[in-house]
């Protein structure tokens, strides 16, 4: 269902004002070096568009390039730039109406997100979560739905994603070999967060292997997928392997012709796991502090959910109140280590339902409308499902770099669901 808007210029200006105000409040807490990074980002965009057409699709490619070393300031700056380009595009096309998919769920999510922002223990931290949970997802959905984004743009975007992931994967392997006792996330801040990117990129790379018809292209993406897989393994993160197995199982069920290769991959992965990762895997449940910390956090979240079931406790409030709930400091957890628990805690049942309704409805509708033999599009759905599975023990989609690419893929899926005919107008199978 769509809600048409005729006051596009006013709404556009309002979006920019809101985003800019929130961004400026966030920036007041940052050092001067962040301003330097923002200037460098603008310079990067200017240089990039000396060689590329100035449009939404190319801004998105530029946005993905920032995932080599993502920083909050650069990604938010890129999104603000994307909004401006999108508005210019629409004005030049003389369109006065925009369509907002999932209007009512987003409206509910807006109301509950505002309430969670008001209840947040730290307002600046609350703004960051408000952007991740509501504003950026809505912006991506609106921009992709109302832009001229088509299948060829999707191909270029997906190729950029997997090449960037392969590059940071290679760097990550080198860093891990140099520092075998440390858990490093390549050029990213943490090893855990980058695994969300690796997981999505890996299954997209598998889709590109099946999509391409030439042996040379397939071989290229096979190497890309291997580099991504190695990068994932050398972060020494157990949940990534479980999520990898879950995704391969879904592919195994859906696509008969790759079952043999999926089996080879299952056999191949244990052979390349480094010894330090083997030691981590061999630790018993009751001997691993991280597992105990998760169980304690899940248990303690039950009472909080009961007492704040409808409207939640507010964004990032858990990290501040949880210290008083644990008997020993080593049991402290910055978040509940489960995205579903986190969002029902922070947003309450209404916001939680609206948020995951958009995601689940999109995935099921997408799987229903796509061609059964279009494995590239199927890989998009798998990448979303795999990440949701990984969120059983972490909060990937509440971390800004993963949340942004997650919602970008979802926005593309929504566009295909509702505008499949126009989306494939310029299809070129390569």
Protein backbone atom coordinates (compact mmCIF):
# COMPACT_ATOMS: atom_id res chain seq x y z
CA UNK A 1 0.00 0.00 0.00
CA UNK A 2 1.24 3.49 -0.86
CA UNK A 3 0.41 6.93 0.37
CA UNK A 4 0.87 9.57 -2.32
CA UNK A 5 2.26 12.96 -1.38
CA UNK A 6 1.81 16.04 -3.47
CA UNK A 7 3.75 18.50 -1.34
CA UNK A 8 7.08 17.05 -2.32
CA UNK A 9 9.27 20.16 -2.06
CA UNK A 10 8.04 20.89 1.47
CA UNK A 11 8.52 17.29 2.59
CA UNK A 12 11.99 17.18 1.02
CA UNK A 13 13.10 20.33 2.81
CA UNK A 14 11.64 18.99 6.06
CA UNK A 15 13.62 15.76 5.73
CA UNK A 16 16.85 17.66 5.13
CA UNK A 17 16.19 19.96 8.10
CA UNK A 18 15.43 17.04 10.45
CA UNK A 19 18.42 15.01 9.27
CA UNK A 20 20.72 18.04 9.44
CA UNK A 21 19.58 18.99 12.95
CA UNK A 22 20.09 15.47 14.27
CA UNK A 23 23.42 15.26 12.49
CA UNK A 24 24.57 18.60 13.93
CA UNK A 25 23.61 17.58 17.48
CA UNK A 26 25.56 14.36 17.00
CA UNK A 27 28.59 16.27 15.62
CA UNK A 28 28.74 18.63 18.62
CA UNK A 29 29.97 15.70 20.69
CA UNK A 30 32.77 14.88 18.26
CA UNK A 31 36.33 16.12 17.89
CA UNK A 32 37.62 18.50 15.22
CA UNK A 33 39.17 15.54 13.39
CA UNK A 34 35.66 14.44 12.43
CA UNK A 35 35.17 17.70 10.55
CA UNK A 36 38.39 17.04 8.65
CA UNK A 37 37.05 13.59 7.69
CA UNK A 38 33.83 15.16 6.48
CA UNK A 39 35.77 17.60 4.28
CA UNK A 40 37.80 14.70 2.87
CA UNK A 41 34.55 12.85 2.19
CA UNK A 42 33.15 15.78 0.21
CA UNK A 43 36.41 15.97 -1.74
CA UNK A 44 36.15 12.25 -2.47
CA UNK A 45 32.62 12.69 -3.84
CA UNK A 46 33.68 15.61 -6.03
CA UNK A 47 36.60 13.62 -7.46
CA UNK A 48 34.41 10.54 -8.02
CA UNK A 49 31.81 12.50 -9.98
CA UNK A 50 34.39 14.02 -12.27
CA UNK A 51 34.35 10.61 -13.96
CA UNK A 52 30.78 9.42 -13.29
CA UNK A 53 27.29 10.67 -14.01
CA UNK A 54 25.75 12.62 -11.17
CA UNK A 55 22.82 10.40 -10.11
CA UNK A 56 21.43 8.32 -7.25
CA UNK A 57 22.86 5.02 -8.49
CA UNK A 58 26.42 6.35 -8.65
CA UNK A 59 26.11 7.93 -5.21
CA UNK A 60 25.15 4.50 -3.86
CA UNK A 61 28.27 2.99 -5.46
CA UNK A 62 30.35 5.71 -3.87
CA UNK A 63 28.57 4.98 -0.58
CA UNK A 64 29.57 1.30 -0.74
CA UNK A 65 33.21 2.23 -1.41
CA UNK A 66 33.23 3.81 2.05
CA UNK A 67 32.79 0.30 3.48
CA UNK A 68 36.50 -0.28 3.01
CA UNK A 69 36.88 1.61 6.28
CA UNK A 70 33.41 2.72 7.43
CA UNK A 71 33.05 5.55 9.90
CA UNK A 72 29.82 6.95 11.25
CA UNK A 73 30.59 10.48 10.13
CA UNK A 74 31.42 9.48 6.55
CA UNK A 75 28.41 7.21 6.10
CA UNK A 76 25.97 9.78 7.47
CA UNK A 77 27.59 12.44 5.32
CA UNK A 78 27.15 10.20 2.28
CA UNK A 79 23.48 9.63 3.12
CA UNK A 80 22.90 13.38 3.39
CA UNK A 81 24.55 13.78 0.01
CA UNK A 82 22.35 10.98 -1.37
CA UNK A 83 19.22 12.80 -0.18
CA UNK A 84 20.27 16.00 -1.94
CA UNK A 85 21.04 14.18 -5.22
CA UNK A 86 17.72 12.34 -5.03
CA UNK A 87 15.81 15.59 -4.56
CA UNK A 88 17.59 17.19 -7.51
CA UNK A 89 16.79 14.15 -9.66
CA UNK A 90 13.10 14.30 -8.79
CA UNK A 91 12.90 18.03 -9.42
CA UNK A 92 14.53 17.62 -12.83
CA UNK A 93 12.08 14.84 -13.69
CA UNK A 94 9.18 17.16 -12.80
CA UNK A 95 7.70 14.65 -10.40
CA UNK A 96 5.56 16.16 -7.68
CA UNK A 97 4.51 12.91 -5.97
CA UNK A 98 6.46 10.37 -3.99
CA UNK A 99 5.38 6.93 -2.85
CA UNK A 100 6.05 5.63 0.64
CA UNK A 101 5.91 1.83 0.95
CA UNK A 102 4.72 0.46 4.29
CA UNK A 103 3.35 3.87 5.23
CA UNK A 104 1.46 2.76 8.36
CA UNK A 105 4.16 0.45 9.79
CA UNK A 106 6.68 3.27 9.32
CA UNK A 107 4.25 5.66 11.02
CA UNK A 108 4.00 3.34 14.02
CA UNK A 109 7.76 2.92 14.03
CA UNK A 110 8.18 6.71 13.93
CA UNK A 111 5.94 7.20 16.97
CA UNK A 112 7.62 4.48 19.01
CA UNK A 113 11.10 5.64 17.95
CA UNK A 114 10.33 9.19 19.07
CA UNK A 115 9.15 7.84 22.42
CA UNK A 116 12.30 5.72 22.74
CA UNK A 117 14.41 8.78 21.89
CA UNK A 118 12.68 10.79 24.63
CA UNK A 119 13.23 7.95 27.14
CA UNK A 120 16.86 7.40 26.14
CA UNK A 121 19.35 7.61 29.00
CA UNK A 122 21.75 9.57 26.79
CA UNK A 123 20.07 11.79 24.17
CA UNK A 124 23.01 11.82 21.73
CA UNK A 125 23.22 8.01 21.81
CA UNK A 126 19.46 8.00 21.34
CA UNK A 127 19.75 10.11 18.19
CA UNK A 128 22.20 7.63 16.71
CA UNK A 129 19.74 4.79 17.32
CA UNK A 130 16.81 6.84 15.99
CA UNK A 131 18.69 7.32 12.74
CA UNK A 132 19.56 3.60 12.50
CA UNK A 133 16.14 2.24 13.47
CA UNK A 134 13.80 4.66 11.70
CA UNK A 135 15.10 7.56 9.65
CA UNK A 136 17.78 5.92 7.48
CA UNK A 137 15.62 2.84 6.70
CA UNK A 138 12.75 5.11 5.66
CA UNK A 139 15.05 7.24 3.52
CA UNK A 140 16.51 4.25 1.70
CA UNK A 141 13.06 2.81 1.02
CA UNK A 142 11.74 6.14 -0.32
CA UNK A 143 14.83 6.91 -2.41
CA UNK A 144 15.09 3.48 -4.07
CA UNK A 145 11.34 3.30 -4.68
CA UNK A 146 11.10 6.75 -6.30
CA UNK A 147 14.43 6.87 -8.18
CA UNK A 148 15.35 5.46 -11.59
CA UNK A 149 17.27 2.60 -9.98
CA UNK A 150 17.09 -0.43 -12.31
CA UNK A 151 18.56 -3.90 -12.75
CA UNK A 152 21.83 -2.77 -14.32
CA UNK A 153 22.35 -0.39 -11.41
CA UNK A 154 21.73 -3.32 -9.05
CA UNK A 155 24.37 -5.42 -10.83
CA UNK A 156 26.99 -2.69 -10.50
CA UNK A 157 26.06 -2.12 -6.86
CA UNK A 158 26.31 -5.83 -5.98
CA UNK A 159 29.64 -6.16 -7.78
CA UNK A 160 30.95 -3.21 -5.80
CA UNK A 161 29.77 -4.76 -2.53
CA UNK A 162 31.52 -8.09 -3.11
CA UNK A 163 34.74 -6.53 -4.41
CA UNK A 164 34.95 -4.24 -1.37
CA UNK A 165 34.23 -7.21 0.91
CA UNK A 166 36.92 -9.28 -0.81
CA UNK A 167 39.44 -6.47 -0.44
CA UNK A 168 38.83 -6.01 3.30
CA UNK A 169 38.82 -9.82 3.58
CA UNK A 170 42.32 -10.06 2.12
CA UNK A 171 43.53 -7.27 4.40
CA UNK A 172 41.87 -9.01 7.34
CA UNK A 173 43.65 -12.31 6.62
CA UNK A 174 47.01 -10.56 6.41
CA UNK A 175 46.38 -8.72 9.68
CA UNK A 176 45.28 -11.96 11.38
CA UNK A 177 48.41 -13.81 10.22
CA UNK A 178 50.61 -11.01 11.53
CA UNK A 179 48.68 -10.90 14.85
CA UNK A 180 47.52 -14.53 15.42
CA UNK A 181 46.48 -13.99 19.05
CA UNK A 182 44.21 -11.01 18.33
CA UNK A 183 40.64 -10.87 16.98
CA UNK A 184 40.79 -8.15 14.34
CA UNK A 185 38.13 -6.95 11.94
CA UNK A 186 40.39 -5.98 9.06
CA UNK A 187 40.10 -2.20 8.59
CA UNK A 188 36.85 -2.09 10.56
CA UNK A 189 36.65 -1.27 14.26
CA UNK A 190 35.48 -4.68 15.51
CA UNK A 191 35.74 -8.27 14.27
CA UNK A 192 32.12 -8.99 15.19
CA UNK A 193 30.56 -6.17 13.20
CA UNK A 194 32.43 -6.84 9.96
CA UNK A 195 31.05 -10.38 9.94
CA UNK A 196 27.61 -8.98 9.17
CA UNK A 197 29.10 -7.40 6.04
CA UNK A 198 31.01 -10.56 5.14
CA UNK A 199 27.90 -12.74 5.48
CA UNK A 200 25.77 -10.59 3.21
CA UNK A 201 28.56 -10.13 0.66
CA UNK A 202 29.41 -13.84 0.59
CA UNK A 203 25.91 -14.96 -0.38
CA UNK A 204 25.62 -12.12 -2.88
CA UNK A 205 28.88 -13.33 -4.45
CA UNK A 206 27.39 -16.82 -4.76
CA UNK A 207 24.43 -15.25 -6.54
CA UNK A 208 26.78 -13.48 -8.95
CA UNK A 209 28.57 -16.78 -9.68
CA UNK A 210 25.27 -18.39 -10.67
CA UNK A 211 24.10 -15.29 -12.54
CA UNK A 212 27.10 -14.92 -14.83
CA UNK A 213 27.20 -17.06 -17.96
CA UNK A 214 30.87 -16.92 -18.94
CA UNK A 215 33.43 -19.20 -17.32
CA UNK A 216 35.85 -16.31 -16.83
CA UNK A 217 33.31 -14.23 -14.92
CA UNK A 218 32.28 -17.16 -12.77
CA UNK A 219 35.90 -17.91 -11.92
CA UNK A 220 36.40 -14.28 -10.92
CA UNK A 221 33.48 -14.37 -8.47
CA UNK A 222 34.56 -17.75 -7.13
CA UNK A 223 37.85 -16.18 -6.08
CA UNK A 224 35.95 -13.18 -4.69
CA UNK A 225 33.78 -15.48 -2.56
CA UNK A 226 36.86 -17.36 -1.31
CA UNK A 227 38.52 -14.11 -0.21
CA UNK A 228 35.34 -13.05 1.60
CA UNK A 229 35.07 -16.46 3.28
CA UNK A 230 38.70 -16.32 4.42
CA UNK A 231 38.18 -12.84 5.81
CA UNK A 232 35.18 -14.14 7.75
CA UNK A 233 36.99 -17.17 9.13
CA UNK A 234 40.02 -15.18 10.29
CA UNK A 235 37.84 -13.00 12.54
CA UNK A 236 37.50 -16.13 14.74
CA UNK A 237 33.75 -15.56 15.18
CA UNK A 238 31.70 -18.69 15.85
CA UNK A 239 28.29 -17.29 14.97
CA UNK A 240 29.50 -16.42 11.49
CA UNK A 241 30.15 -20.12 10.82
CA UNK A 242 26.69 -21.07 12.12
CA UNK A 243 25.09 -18.39 9.96
CA UNK A 244 27.17 -19.54 7.00
CA UNK A 245 25.90 -23.08 7.50
CA UNK A 246 22.31 -21.83 7.79
CA UNK A 247 22.59 -19.91 4.51
CA UNK A 248 24.18 -22.86 2.69
CA UNK A 249 21.38 -25.08 3.99
CA UNK A 250 18.78 -22.72 2.47
CA UNK A 251 20.66 -22.76 -0.84
CA UNK A 252 20.95 -26.54 -0.60
CA UNK A 253 17.17 -26.84 -0.34
CA UNK A 254 16.39 -24.34 -3.10
CA UNK A 255 18.99 -25.02 -5.79
CA UNK A 256 19.67 -28.64 -6.66
CA UNK A 257 22.55 -28.04 -9.02
CA UNK A 258 24.77 -26.44 -6.35
CA UNK A 259 24.25 -29.11 -3.70
CA UNK A 260 27.50 -30.82 -4.64
CA UNK A 261 29.44 -27.55 -4.40
CA UNK A 262 27.79 -26.64 -1.10
CA UNK A 263 28.91 -30.01 0.26
CA UNK A 264 32.46 -29.34 -0.96
CA UNK A 265 32.38 -25.98 0.84
CA UNK A 266 31.21 -27.58 4.09
CA UNK A 267 34.15 -30.01 3.85
CA UNK A 268 36.59 -27.27 2.80
CA UNK A 269 35.85 -24.78 5.59
CA UNK A 270 37.11 -26.91 8.54
CA UNK A 271 40.37 -27.51 6.68
CA UNK A 272 41.23 -23.80 6.52
CA UNK A 273 40.16 -22.81 10.03
CA UNK A 274 43.27 -21.48 11.81
CA UNK A 275 44.48 -23.25 14.96
CA UNK A 276 43.63 -20.29 17.21
CA UNK A 277 40.03 -20.50 15.99
CA UNK A 278 40.01 -24.28 16.64
CA UNK A 279 40.96 -23.55 20.25
CA UNK A 280 38.11 -21.06 20.58
CA UNK A 281 35.64 -23.54 19.09
CA UNK A 282 36.77 -26.28 21.47
CA UNK A 283 35.98 -24.24 24.61
CA UNK A 284 33.02 -25.67 26.53
CA UNK A 285 29.82 -23.70 27.04
CA UNK A 286 30.38 -23.21 30.76
CA UNK A 287 34.05 -22.32 30.26
CA UNK A 288 33.51 -19.49 27.78
CA UNK A 289 32.75 -16.15 29.48
CA UNK A 290 31.11 -14.70 26.36
CA UNK A 291 28.50 -17.47 26.29
CA UNK A 292 27.78 -17.11 30.01
CA UNK A 293 27.46 -13.33 29.61
CA UNK A 294 24.89 -13.86 26.85
CA UNK A 295 22.81 -16.31 28.89
CA UNK A 296 22.79 -13.97 31.89
CA UNK A 297 21.82 -11.00 29.70
CA UNK A 298 18.94 -12.93 28.11
CA UNK A 299 17.70 -14.04 31.52
CA UNK A 300 17.86 -10.54 33.01
CA UNK A 301 16.04 -9.08 30.02
CA UNK A 302 12.87 -11.05 30.85
CA UNK A 303 11.83 -8.82 33.75
CA UNK A 304 12.69 -5.66 31.82
CA UNK A 305 10.49 -6.77 28.94
CA UNK A 306 7.62 -7.62 31.31
CA UNK A 307 7.80 -4.22 33.00
CA UNK A 308 8.17 -2.22 29.76
CA UNK A 309 6.29 -4.43 27.34
CA UNK A 310 4.28 -1.82 25.45
CA UNK A 311 6.63 1.16 25.05
CA UNK A 312 10.12 -0.09 25.92
CA UNK A 313 12.91 1.38 28.03
CA UNK A 314 14.34 3.78 25.44
CA UNK A 315 17.28 3.70 23.06
CA UNK A 316 20.60 2.47 24.53
CA UNK A 317 19.19 2.60 28.06
CA UNK A 318 20.24 -1.01 28.66
CA UNK A 319 23.97 -0.15 28.55
CA UNK A 320 23.50 2.30 31.42
CA UNK A 321 21.12 0.41 33.72
CA UNK A 322 22.46 -3.11 33.29
CA UNK A 323 25.50 -2.47 35.48
CA UNK A 324 23.16 -2.34 38.50
CA UNK A 325 21.49 -5.63 37.58
CA UNK A 326 24.53 -7.93 37.59
CA UNK A 327 26.30 -9.32 40.66
CA UNK A 328 29.79 -9.24 39.10
CA UNK A 329 31.32 -6.69 36.73
CA UNK A 330 32.69 -9.33 34.33
CA UNK A 331 29.09 -10.27 33.47
CA UNK A 332 28.42 -6.82 32.01
CA UNK A 333 27.02 -6.72 28.47
CA UNK A 334 26.77 -3.51 26.48
CA UNK A 335 23.58 -4.85 24.85
CA UNK A 336 21.43 -8.01 25.21
CA UNK A 337 23.34 -9.86 22.44
CA UNK A 338 20.12 -10.56 20.56
CA UNK A 339 18.53 -8.06 18.18
CA UNK A 340 15.01 -9.26 18.88
CA UNK A 341 15.41 -8.85 22.62
CA UNK A 342 17.10 -5.48 22.11
CA UNK A 343 14.35 -4.00 19.96
CA UNK A 344 11.42 -5.26 22.02
CA UNK A 345 13.25 -3.81 25.05
CA UNK A 346 13.98 -0.44 23.48
CA UNK A 347 10.91 0.07 21.25
CA UNK A 348 8.25 -1.96 23.05
CA UNK A 349 5.95 -4.44 21.37
CA UNK A 350 4.37 -1.91 18.96
CA UNK A 351 7.66 -0.63 17.54
CA UNK A 352 9.14 -4.13 17.50
CA UNK A 353 6.17 -5.48 15.55
CA UNK A 354 6.21 -2.62 13.02
CA UNK A 355 9.98 -2.93 12.47
CA UNK A 356 10.03 -6.68 11.86
CA UNK A 357 6.72 -6.67 9.97
CA UNK A 358 8.38 -4.55 7.26
CA UNK A 359 11.33 -6.94 7.06
CA UNK A 360 9.44 -10.25 7.15
CA UNK A 361 6.66 -9.07 4.82
CA UNK A 362 9.27 -7.86 2.31
CA UNK A 363 11.24 -11.13 2.32
CA UNK A 364 8.17 -13.34 1.86
CA UNK A 365 6.65 -11.13 -0.85
CA UNK A 366 10.00 -10.93 -2.62
CA UNK A 367 10.41 -14.71 -2.68
CA UNK A 368 6.88 -14.99 -4.04
CA UNK A 369 7.30 -12.57 -6.98
CA UNK A 370 10.81 -13.33 -8.24
CA UNK A 371 11.51 -15.88 -10.94
CA UNK A 372 12.29 -19.28 -9.42
CA UNK A 373 15.45 -19.55 -11.50
CA UNK A 374 16.76 -16.06 -10.75
CA UNK A 375 19.45 -17.10 -8.30
CA UNK A 376 20.95 -13.62 -8.06
CA UNK A 377 17.74 -12.18 -6.65
CA UNK A 378 17.30 -15.24 -4.47
CA UNK A 379 20.76 -14.58 -3.01
CA UNK A 380 19.56 -11.15 -1.86
CA UNK A 381 16.82 -12.78 0.21
CA UNK A 382 19.31 -15.32 1.58
CA UNK A 383 21.69 -12.52 2.62
CA UNK A 384 18.88 -10.90 4.63
CA UNK A 385 17.77 -14.18 6.24
CA UNK A 386 21.34 -15.15 7.13
CA UNK A 387 21.91 -11.82 8.87
CA UNK A 388 18.64 -12.18 10.79
CA UNK A 389 19.81 -15.63 11.89
CA UNK A 390 23.17 -14.21 13.03
CA UNK A 391 21.26 -11.62 15.08
CA UNK A 392 20.17 -14.39 17.45
CA UNK A 393 23.42 -13.86 19.36
CA UNK A 394 24.32 -10.30 18.35
CA UNK A 395 22.83 -6.99 17.26
CA UNK A 396 24.24 -6.60 13.73
CA UNK A 397 21.37 -4.59 12.27
CA UNK A 398 21.55 -2.02 15.06
CA UNK A 399 25.18 -1.26 14.12
CA UNK A 400 25.22 1.61 11.65
CA UNK A 401 27.35 0.09 8.83
CA UNK A 402 25.42 -3.19 8.79
CA UNK A 403 22.03 -1.53 9.30
CA UNK A 404 22.60 0.75 6.30
CA UNK A 405 23.54 -1.98 3.82
CA UNK A 406 20.83 -4.25 5.27
CA UNK A 407 18.13 -1.64 4.61
CA UNK A 408 19.60 -0.74 1.23
CA UNK A 409 19.15 -4.35 0.09
CA UNK A 410 15.66 -4.47 1.62
CA UNK A 411 14.73 -1.23 -0.17
CA UNK A 412 15.82 -2.76 -3.49
CA UNK A 413 13.69 -5.82 -2.74
CA UNK A 414 10.69 -3.59 -2.01
CA UNK A 415 11.26 -1.79 -5.31
CA UNK A 416 11.31 -5.09 -7.22
CA UNK A 417 8.15 -6.31 -5.47
CA UNK A 418 6.15 -3.25 -6.42
CA UNK A 419 7.69 -2.21 -9.72
CA UNK A 420 9.13 -5.38 -11.24
CA UNK A 421 8.25 -4.51 -14.84
CA UNK A 422 10.04 -1.13 -14.88
CA UNK A 423 12.93 -2.42 -12.76
CA UNK A 424 13.98 -4.89 -15.47
CA UNK A 425 13.52 -2.54 -18.44
CA UNK A 426 17.28 -2.27 -19.03
CA UNK A 427 18.20 -5.81 -18.05
CA UNK A 428 21.45 -7.04 -19.55
CA UNK A 429 22.49 -10.52 -18.58
CA UNK A 430 26.26 -10.76 -18.48
